[in-house]
C-alpha cells in the first residue's frame, strides 16, 4: 500500500490567501512559510542553534543539490548518513534539483533531452546532470522534500523558447517521478524508518513538480495541467524573478497559483522581498525561499518595517536606534545602528552575522504575522498596512 510522504491541511482562508499545516517526518511546519536558503549545507553566517532559537524558529531550510554534489560530494554525505546528520540539522529540509544552478551557468552548459552537460564552476571538470542523477543525489541527501529536475527559461523568453523549455521540463518531470519511485521503493525494501520521536509518517521523501512557461500564461496553464497529470506531492512555480518585470511576475502568480491543486502545498521558488512574499500569499502561495536575507546582510543591507536600510551610510554613524524600532529580534534589542555600521566598516565578520540574523528574523516574523492575519480574517487589512508602511519609508534609504 502506498504511503503518504507528507500531510498538508489548509485550516484558514481569506480570499486566495491560505494558512495551513504541513506535517513531515521531522516536524510540523505552519504555512505560509519562508525557508532560509542553505546552499552548501549552511545558511550563510548563521549557526543552527540560532535558526532553532525562539528568535527565528526556522522549521525548514533548503539545501542545494548542485553545490553539494560538486562539494563535498555525495560519497562524503552518504558516509555521514545523509545531509541531516552531515550538517547537524534535525528539522525539515528541502533540496532543489540543481536545474536552476545549471541554467544559470549560461555558456558553460549544453542542454539535451538526456540532460545537461556543463563545466564545474569549481575546477572546470566536465559534469553531467540528468533527472535520474538528480533523483539519486537527492535520495542520498535525504531531505523531506525533493524537487523534480527542470529546465528554466529566461523571464522574457519568446513563446517558442518557453514552449521548448516547458516540454523539456515535462519530459524530465516524468523521468524524475519514475526514478524517484524506484529509489523510494528500494529504500522501503532496505527498511528505512522514521526517526525516533518524529511524527508517525513513513521514511519516504516527498517530490514536488515544477510549473514552467516563462511569462506566457497559456503555457503556464498547460504546464500545470500536464504536471498534475504526472502526479506530485506538491507543486512549485519556477522560472520567476529571472529578469522579467515585477508586474509580469505577479500576473503569472495570480494566474497559476489559484489553479494549483487545493489540497497540495504551493511553492514559489526563489522569490523574493518581504513585499513580494505578502503579495504572493494574497495570490494563493504557501511556501517561499530566497537568498536576499542572507545576501543582503553580507552587503550591509537590512530589511525593516520601513523599507531597506543601508548600514554603510554616514547618517548612521551616531544613530543609537536599532535597525528596526518595531523589531523584537535579539539584534534589535541589543545593538545600535552606530555599532553595526562600525562593525561593517571595520570589516568585522560579526556585522554580516548580525545583519543576516535580523533579516531572517524579519522575514520569518513577517510570515508569522501573515499566518495570524489569515487565521483572524485580517489579512486584507494587514496586507494594506504592511505595504503602506514599507512604501512610506519615513526617511529610510533607497537601496
Protein backbone atom coordinates (compact mmCIF):
# COMPACT_ATOMS: atom_id res chain seq x y z
CA UNK A 1 0.00 0.00 0.00
CA UNK A 2 1.37 3.41 -0.97
CA UNK A 3 2.24 5.60 1.98
CA UNK A 4 1.97 9.34 2.35
CA UNK A 5 5.22 11.29 2.35
CA UNK A 6 3.73 14.36 3.99
CA UNK A 7 0.39 15.67 5.15
CA UNK A 8 -0.97 19.10 4.25
CA UNK A 9 -4.12 20.71 5.65
CA UNK A 10 -5.44 24.20 4.92
CA UNK A 11 -7.19 25.41 8.07
CA UNK A 12 -7.95 29.06 7.22
CA UNK A 13 -8.58 31.14 4.10
CA UNK A 14 -9.14 34.76 3.23
CA UNK A 15 -9.62 35.35 -0.46
CA UNK A 16 -6.89 33.33 -2.17
CA UNK A 17 -4.62 33.59 0.89
CA UNK A 18 -4.46 30.40 2.95
CA UNK A 19 -2.92 29.25 6.19
CA UNK A 20 -2.20 25.60 6.82
CA UNK A 21 -0.18 22.86 8.47
CA UNK A 22 2.47 20.87 6.61
CA UNK A 23 3.44 17.74 8.55
CA UNK A 24 6.66 15.90 7.69
CA UNK A 25 8.54 13.10 9.39
CA UNK A 26 10.71 15.74 11.08
CA UNK A 27 8.06 18.03 12.43
CA UNK A 28 5.17 20.37 11.78
CA UNK A 29 5.53 23.46 9.59
CA UNK A 30 2.94 26.22 9.62
CA UNK A 31 2.26 27.84 6.25
CA UNK A 32 2.70 30.29 4.62
CA UNK A 33 6.35 29.66 5.39
CA UNK A 34 9.65 31.25 4.44
CA UNK A 35 12.52 28.77 4.09
CA UNK A 36 16.06 30.13 4.64
CA UNK A 37 18.49 29.04 1.93
CA UNK A 38 21.38 26.81 2.98
CA UNK A 39 23.13 26.42 -0.36
CA UNK A 40 26.16 24.37 0.68
CA UNK A 41 24.59 22.82 3.77
CA UNK A 42 24.69 26.03 5.78
CA UNK A 43 22.61 29.19 5.97
CA UNK A 44 25.46 31.63 5.47
CA UNK A 45 26.52 33.38 8.66
CA UNK A 46 24.06 31.50 10.89
CA UNK A 47 24.62 28.79 13.50
CA UNK A 48 21.92 26.15 13.52
CA UNK A 49 21.31 26.91 17.22
CA UNK A 50 20.25 30.41 16.19
CA UNK A 51 17.98 29.12 13.44
CA UNK A 52 16.31 26.84 16.01
CA UNK A 53 16.03 29.55 18.68
CA UNK A 54 12.75 31.22 19.60
CA UNK A 55 14.09 34.33 17.87
CA UNK A 56 13.96 32.66 14.44
CA UNK A 57 12.43 29.17 14.87
CA UNK A 58 13.02 28.14 11.25
CA UNK A 59 11.19 24.84 10.79
CA UNK A 60 12.60 24.06 7.32
CA UNK A 61 15.66 25.16 5.34
CA UNK A 62 16.98 24.47 1.85
CA UNK A 63 19.97 22.51 0.58
CA UNK A 64 21.35 22.79 -2.95
CA UNK A 65 21.78 19.61 -4.97
CA UNK A 66 24.20 21.10 -7.50
CA UNK A 67 26.58 22.62 -4.95
CA UNK A 68 26.54 19.68 -2.54
CA UNK A 69 27.09 17.22 -5.39
CA UNK A 70 30.20 19.08 -6.52
CA UNK A 71 31.47 19.74 -3.00
CA UNK A 72 31.85 17.92 -0.63
CA UNK A 73 30.45 15.20 -2.91
CA UNK A 74 27.72 12.64 -2.44
CA UNK A 75 30.04 9.91 -1.14
CA UNK A 76 31.02 12.14 1.79
CA UNK A 77 27.40 12.90 2.65
CA UNK A 78 26.37 9.26 2.19
CA UNK A 79 29.14 8.14 4.56
CA UNK A 80 27.74 10.58 7.12
CA UNK A 81 24.24 9.10 6.92
CA UNK A 82 22.61 11.84 4.82
CA UNK A 83 22.51 15.61 4.82
CA UNK A 84 20.72 15.99 8.17
CA UNK A 85 23.46 14.12 10.03
CA UNK A 86 26.26 15.63 7.97
CA UNK A 87 25.31 19.21 8.86
CA UNK A 88 23.74 18.58 12.27
CA UNK A 89 20.21 19.76 11.44
CA UNK A 90 17.28 17.71 12.79
CA UNK A 91 14.43 19.76 11.37
CA UNK A 92 12.97 19.53 7.87
CA UNK A 93 14.96 20.06 4.67
CA UNK A 94 14.01 20.76 1.07
CA UNK A 95 16.55 20.16 -1.68
CA UNK A 96 16.29 21.77 -5.09
CA UNK A 97 17.08 19.70 -8.17
CA UNK A 98 20.10 21.59 -9.47
CA UNK A 99 18.25 22.65 -12.61
CA UNK A 100 18.31 26.38 -11.89
CA UNK A 101 22.00 26.40 -10.97
CA UNK A 102 22.90 24.58 -14.18
CA UNK A 103 20.72 27.00 -16.17
CA UNK A 104 22.49 29.96 -14.58
CA UNK A 105 25.86 28.71 -15.86
CA UNK A 106 24.88 30.04 -19.30
CA UNK A 107 27.58 29.32 -21.88
CA UNK A 108 29.21 26.76 -19.58
CA UNK A 109 26.37 24.27 -20.13
CA UNK A 110 24.92 22.26 -23.01
CA UNK A 111 21.33 21.04 -22.72
CA UNK A 112 19.93 17.97 -24.49
CA UNK A 113 16.91 15.73 -23.98
CA UNK A 114 19.07 13.37 -21.97
CA UNK A 115 20.22 16.03 -19.50
CA UNK A 116 22.71 18.84 -19.08
CA UNK A 117 26.46 18.75 -19.66
CA UNK A 118 28.41 21.52 -18.02
CA UNK A 119 31.73 22.62 -16.61
CA UNK A 120 32.05 22.77 -12.85
CA UNK A 121 32.36 26.31 -11.56
CA UNK A 122 34.86 24.97 -9.01
CA UNK A 123 37.52 23.31 -11.15
CA UNK A 124 36.20 23.26 -14.72
CA UNK A 125 35.65 19.48 -14.68
CA UNK A 126 33.11 18.17 -17.19
CA UNK A 127 29.90 17.08 -15.41
CA UNK A 128 26.55 15.67 -16.46
CA UNK A 129 23.25 16.05 -14.61
CA UNK A 130 20.00 14.37 -15.61
CA UNK A 131 16.64 13.70 -13.93
CA UNK A 132 17.83 10.28 -12.85
CA UNK A 133 21.12 11.55 -11.43
CA UNK A 134 19.36 14.44 -9.65
CA UNK A 135 16.94 11.97 -8.03
CA UNK A 136 19.85 9.73 -6.97
CA UNK A 137 21.68 12.68 -5.41
CA UNK A 138 18.55 13.90 -3.60
CA UNK A 139 17.84 10.37 -2.32
CA UNK A 140 21.29 10.34 -0.70
CA UNK A 141 20.77 13.84 0.70
CA UNK A 142 17.54 12.56 2.25
CA UNK A 143 15.57 15.81 2.53
CA UNK A 144 11.89 15.61 3.44
CA UNK A 145 11.06 17.34 0.13
CA UNK A 146 12.91 16.81 -3.16
CA UNK A 147 12.32 18.71 -6.39
CA UNK A 148 11.88 17.36 -9.92
CA UNK A 149 14.70 18.20 -12.32
CA UNK A 150 13.61 21.10 -14.52
CA UNK A 151 14.83 23.49 -17.21
CA UNK A 152 14.30 27.20 -16.72
CA UNK A 153 13.56 29.69 -19.49
CA UNK A 154 14.51 33.34 -19.19
CA UNK A 155 11.76 35.56 -17.84
CA UNK A 156 11.23 37.32 -21.17
CA UNK A 157 11.69 34.25 -23.36
CA UNK A 158 9.71 34.10 -26.59
CA UNK A 159 6.76 31.73 -26.74
CA UNK A 160 8.78 29.34 -28.90
CA UNK A 161 11.69 29.33 -26.45
CA UNK A 162 9.37 28.97 -23.48
CA UNK A 163 7.49 26.05 -25.07
CA UNK A 164 10.70 24.22 -25.85
CA UNK A 165 11.83 24.68 -22.24
CA UNK A 166 8.41 23.66 -20.89
CA UNK A 167 8.31 20.48 -22.98
CA UNK A 168 11.76 19.51 -21.78
CA UNK A 169 10.74 20.19 -18.16
CA UNK A 170 7.66 17.99 -18.57
CA UNK A 171 9.70 15.13 -20.07
CA UNK A 172 12.19 15.48 -17.23
CA UNK A 173 9.34 15.63 -14.67
CA UNK A 174 8.08 12.22 -15.82
CA UNK A 175 11.59 10.77 -15.70
CA UNK A 176 12.14 12.34 -12.28
CA UNK A 177 8.93 10.77 -10.99
CA UNK A 178 9.82 7.33 -12.36
CA UNK A 179 13.36 7.42 -10.99
CA UNK A 180 12.15 8.78 -7.67
CA UNK A 181 9.61 5.98 -7.21
CA UNK A 182 12.22 3.34 -7.95
CA UNK A 183 14.58 4.85 -5.40
CA UNK A 184 11.83 5.16 -2.77
CA UNK A 185 10.79 1.54 -3.30
CA UNK A 186 14.39 0.45 -2.91
CA UNK A 187 14.67 2.49 0.31
CA UNK A 188 11.49 0.92 1.68
CA UNK A 189 12.83 -2.58 0.94
CA UNK A 190 16.02 -1.65 2.79
CA UNK A 191 13.94 -0.95 5.88
CA UNK A 192 14.01 2.84 6.14
CA UNK A 193 12.13 4.02 9.24
CA UNK A 194 11.03 7.40 10.61
CA UNK A 195 13.40 8.96 13.14
CA UNK A 196 12.55 8.25 16.78
CA UNK A 197 10.30 10.89 18.31
CA UNK A 198 9.17 12.21 14.94
CA UNK A 199 5.59 12.11 13.56
CA UNK A 200 4.31 8.66 12.63
CA UNK A 201 4.89 9.11 8.93
CA UNK A 202 6.88 6.88 6.58
CA UNK A 203 10.54 7.46 5.83
CA UNK A 204 9.94 8.12 2.14
CA UNK A 205 10.59 11.55 0.72
CA UNK A 206 8.06 13.83 -0.95
CA UNK A 207 8.61 15.01 -4.54
CA UNK A 208 7.36 18.34 -5.89
CA UNK A 209 6.80 19.07 -9.58
CA UNK A 210 7.69 22.42 -11.12
CA UNK A 211 5.49 24.53 -13.39
CA UNK A 212 7.37 26.43 -16.11
CA UNK A 213 6.35 28.50 -19.14
CA UNK A 214 8.09 31.86 -18.55
CA UNK A 215 5.63 34.76 -18.79
CA UNK A 216 3.22 33.04 -21.19
CA UNK A 217 0.00 32.32 -19.32
CA UNK A 218 -1.26 29.72 -21.78
CA UNK A 219 1.97 27.76 -21.42
CA UNK A 220 1.84 28.06 -17.66
CA UNK A 221 -1.69 26.61 -17.66
CA UNK A 222 -0.65 23.76 -19.94
CA UNK A 223 2.46 23.09 -17.86
CA UNK A 224 0.38 22.91 -14.68
CA UNK A 225 -2.24 20.59 -16.19
CA UNK A 226 0.36 18.17 -17.55
CA UNK A 227 2.48 18.27 -14.39
CA UNK A 228 -0.57 17.45 -12.26
CA UNK A 229 -1.28 14.51 -14.61
CA UNK A 230 2.13 13.07 -13.73
CA UNK A 231 1.26 13.48 -10.05
CA UNK A 232 3.37 15.01 -7.29
CA UNK A 233 3.17 15.63 -3.55
CA UNK A 234 3.29 19.40 -4.08
CA UNK A 235 3.70 21.90 -6.90
CA UNK A 236 6.15 24.73 -7.43
CA UNK A 237 6.14 27.80 -9.65
CA UNK A 238 9.60 28.04 -11.19
CA UNK A 239 11.25 30.42 -13.62
CA UNK A 240 10.19 33.70 -12.00
CA UNK A 241 12.37 36.54 -10.73
CA UNK A 242 14.81 35.72 -13.55
CA UNK A 243 14.69 39.04 -15.38
CA UNK A 244 11.00 39.70 -16.04
CA UNK A 245 9.36 42.88 -14.73
CA UNK A 246 7.67 42.54 -11.35
CA UNK A 247 4.08 43.24 -12.54
CA UNK A 248 4.53 40.41 -15.02
CA UNK A 249 5.73 38.12 -12.25
CA UNK A 250 2.63 38.85 -10.18
CA UNK A 251 0.42 38.35 -13.23
CA UNK A 252 1.84 34.84 -13.68
CA UNK A 253 1.42 34.03 -9.97
CA UNK A 254 -2.14 35.36 -9.91
CA UNK A 255 -2.99 33.28 -12.97
CA UNK A 256 -1.44 29.98 -11.93
CA UNK A 257 -1.41 29.71 -8.11
CA UNK A 258 -5.21 29.52 -7.60
CA UNK A 259 -5.36 26.82 -10.31
CA UNK A 260 -2.91 24.56 -8.50
CA UNK A 261 -4.38 21.57 -6.62
CA UNK A 262 -6.06 22.98 -3.48
CA UNK A 263 -5.01 20.05 -1.29
CA UNK A 264 -1.30 20.29 -2.11
CA UNK A 265 1.31 22.82 -0.97
CA UNK A 266 2.16 25.58 -3.46
CA UNK A 267 5.78 26.70 -3.59
CA UNK A 268 7.09 29.87 -5.28
CA UNK A 269 10.78 29.29 -5.94
CA UNK A 270 13.41 31.97 -5.39
CA UNK A 271 11.11 34.90 -4.55
CA UNK A 272 11.62 37.45 -3.06
CA UNK A 273 11.38 40.61 -0.87
CA UNK A 274 9.01 40.77 2.14
CA UNK A 275 6.55 42.75 0.00
CA UNK A 276 6.78 40.08 -2.73
CA UNK A 277 6.00 37.36 -0.20
CA UNK A 278 2.91 39.12 1.11
CA UNK A 279 1.64 39.75 -2.43
CA UNK A 280 2.23 36.13 -3.42
CA UNK A 281 0.38 34.90 -0.32
CA UNK A 282 -2.54 37.05 -1.42
CA UNK A 283 -2.48 35.12 -4.70
CA UNK A 284 -2.51 31.69 -3.05
CA UNK A 285 1.13 30.68 -2.43
CA UNK A 286 2.15 28.67 0.66
CA UNK A 287 5.96 28.28 0.55
CA UNK A 288 8.88 30.57 -0.29
CA UNK A 289 12.65 30.69 -0.36
CA UNK A 290 15.09 33.44 -1.27
CA UNK A 291 18.76 34.32 -0.72
CA UNK A 292 18.00 38.01 -0.14
CA UNK A 293 18.02 37.99 3.70
CA UNK A 294 21.47 36.42 3.85
CA UNK A 295 22.99 38.00 0.73
CA UNK A 296 21.85 41.50 1.64
CA UNK A 297 23.01 41.03 5.21
CA UNK A 298 26.51 40.32 3.97
CA UNK A 299 26.48 43.52 1.91
CA UNK A 300 25.36 45.78 4.75
CA UNK A 301 21.64 45.95 3.98
CA UNK A 302 18.84 45.38 6.47
CA UNK A 303 15.17 44.74 5.74
CA UNK A 304 12.92 46.72 8.09
CA UNK A 305 9.25 47.57 8.51
CA UNK A 306 10.03 50.94 6.88
CA UNK A 307 11.94 49.58 3.92
CA UNK A 308 15.58 48.68 3.31
CA UNK A 309 18.37 50.32 5.28
CA UNK A 310 21.99 50.57 4.14
CA UNK A 311 24.14 50.46 7.26
CA UNK A 312 27.16 51.86 5.36
CA UNK A 313 25.58 55.30 5.12
CA UNK A 314 27.28 58.05 7.14
CA UNK A 315 23.93 59.15 8.57
CA UNK A 316 24.05 56.17 10.96
CA UNK A 317 27.47 56.97 12.47
CA UNK A 318 25.91 58.27 15.70
CA UNK A 319 22.48 56.66 15.41
CA UNK A 320 21.63 54.89 18.67
CA UNK A 321 18.38 53.37 17.39
CA UNK A 322 18.07 49.67 16.50
CA UNK A 323 17.85 48.62 12.86
CA UNK A 324 14.06 48.49 13.18
CA UNK A 325 12.29 50.03 16.16
CA UNK A 326 9.34 47.70 15.54
CA UNK A 327 11.51 44.55 15.63
CA UNK A 328 11.99 42.43 18.74
CA UNK A 329 14.82 40.22 17.45
CA UNK A 330 17.92 39.84 19.65
CA UNK A 331 19.97 42.10 17.35
CA UNK A 332 17.48 44.96 17.59
CA UNK A 333 17.10 44.51 21.34
CA UNK A 334 20.84 44.77 21.89
CA UNK A 335 22.69 46.73 19.19
CA UNK A 336 22.53 50.20 17.66
CA UNK A 337 22.84 51.23 14.06
CA UNK A 338 26.01 53.09 15.01
CA UNK A 339 27.63 49.93 16.36
CA UNK A 340 26.57 47.82 13.37
CA UNK A 341 27.95 50.46 11.00
CA UNK A 342 31.24 50.44 12.92
CA UNK A 343 31.44 46.64 12.63
CA UNK A 344 30.71 46.70 8.91
CA UNK A 345 33.20 49.45 8.06
CA UNK A 346 35.84 47.71 10.21
CA UNK A 347 35.43 44.53 8.19
CA UNK A 348 34.30 42.56 11.23
CA UNK A 349 32.55 39.31 10.33
CA UNK A 350 30.09 39.94 13.16
CA UNK A 351 28.48 42.67 11.04
CA UNK A 352 27.33 40.15 8.43
CA UNK A 353 26.23 37.70 11.13
CA UNK A 354 24.10 40.24 12.98
CA UNK A 355 22.58 41.79 9.85
CA UNK A 356 21.76 38.35 8.49
CA UNK A 357 20.17 37.33 11.79
CA UNK A 358 17.97 40.42 11.78
CA UNK A 359 16.98 39.95 8.13
CA UNK A 360 15.95 36.35 8.69
CA UNK A 361 14.05 37.37 11.81
CA UNK A 362 12.19 40.00 9.79
CA UNK A 363 11.26 37.55 7.01
CA UNK A 364 10.20 34.81 9.40
CA UNK A 365 8.26 37.20 11.64
CA UNK A 366 6.50 38.62 8.57
CA UNK A 367 5.29 35.11 7.77
CA UNK A 368 4.14 34.60 11.37
CA UNK A 369 2.14 37.81 11.17
CA UNK A 370 0.71 36.75 7.80
CA UNK A 371 -0.46 33.42 9.23
CA UNK A 372 -2.01 35.15 12.23
CA UNK A 373 -3.77 37.69 9.99
CA UNK A 374 -5.25 34.99 7.75
CA UNK A 375 -6.48 32.97 10.71
CA UNK A 376 -8.10 36.05 12.28
CA UNK A 377 -9.65 37.17 8.94
CA UNK A 378 -7.50 40.32 9.00
CA UNK A 379 -5.17 39.58 6.09
CA UNK A 380 -6.53 42.24 3.73
CA UNK A 381 -6.00 44.85 6.45
CA UNK A 382 -2.53 43.51 7.27
CA UNK A 383 -1.52 43.50 3.60
CA UNK A 384 -2.63 47.10 3.11
CA UNK A 385 -0.94 48.41 6.24
CA UNK A 386 2.25 46.40 5.67
CA UNK A 387 2.59 47.68 2.12
CA UNK A 388 1.82 51.27 3.06
CA UNK A 389 4.39 51.21 5.85
CA UNK A 390 7.08 49.78 3.57
CA UNK A 391 6.28 52.35 0.91
CA UNK A 392 6.31 55.26 3.31
CA UNK A 393 9.99 54.79 4.03
CA UNK A 394 9.89 57.59 6.58
CA UNK A 395 13.41 58.62 5.64
CA UNK A 396 14.84 55.15 5.13
CA UNK A 397 17.44 54.57 2.43
CA UNK A 398 16.52 53.80 -1.13
CA UNK A 399 18.83 50.85 -1.72
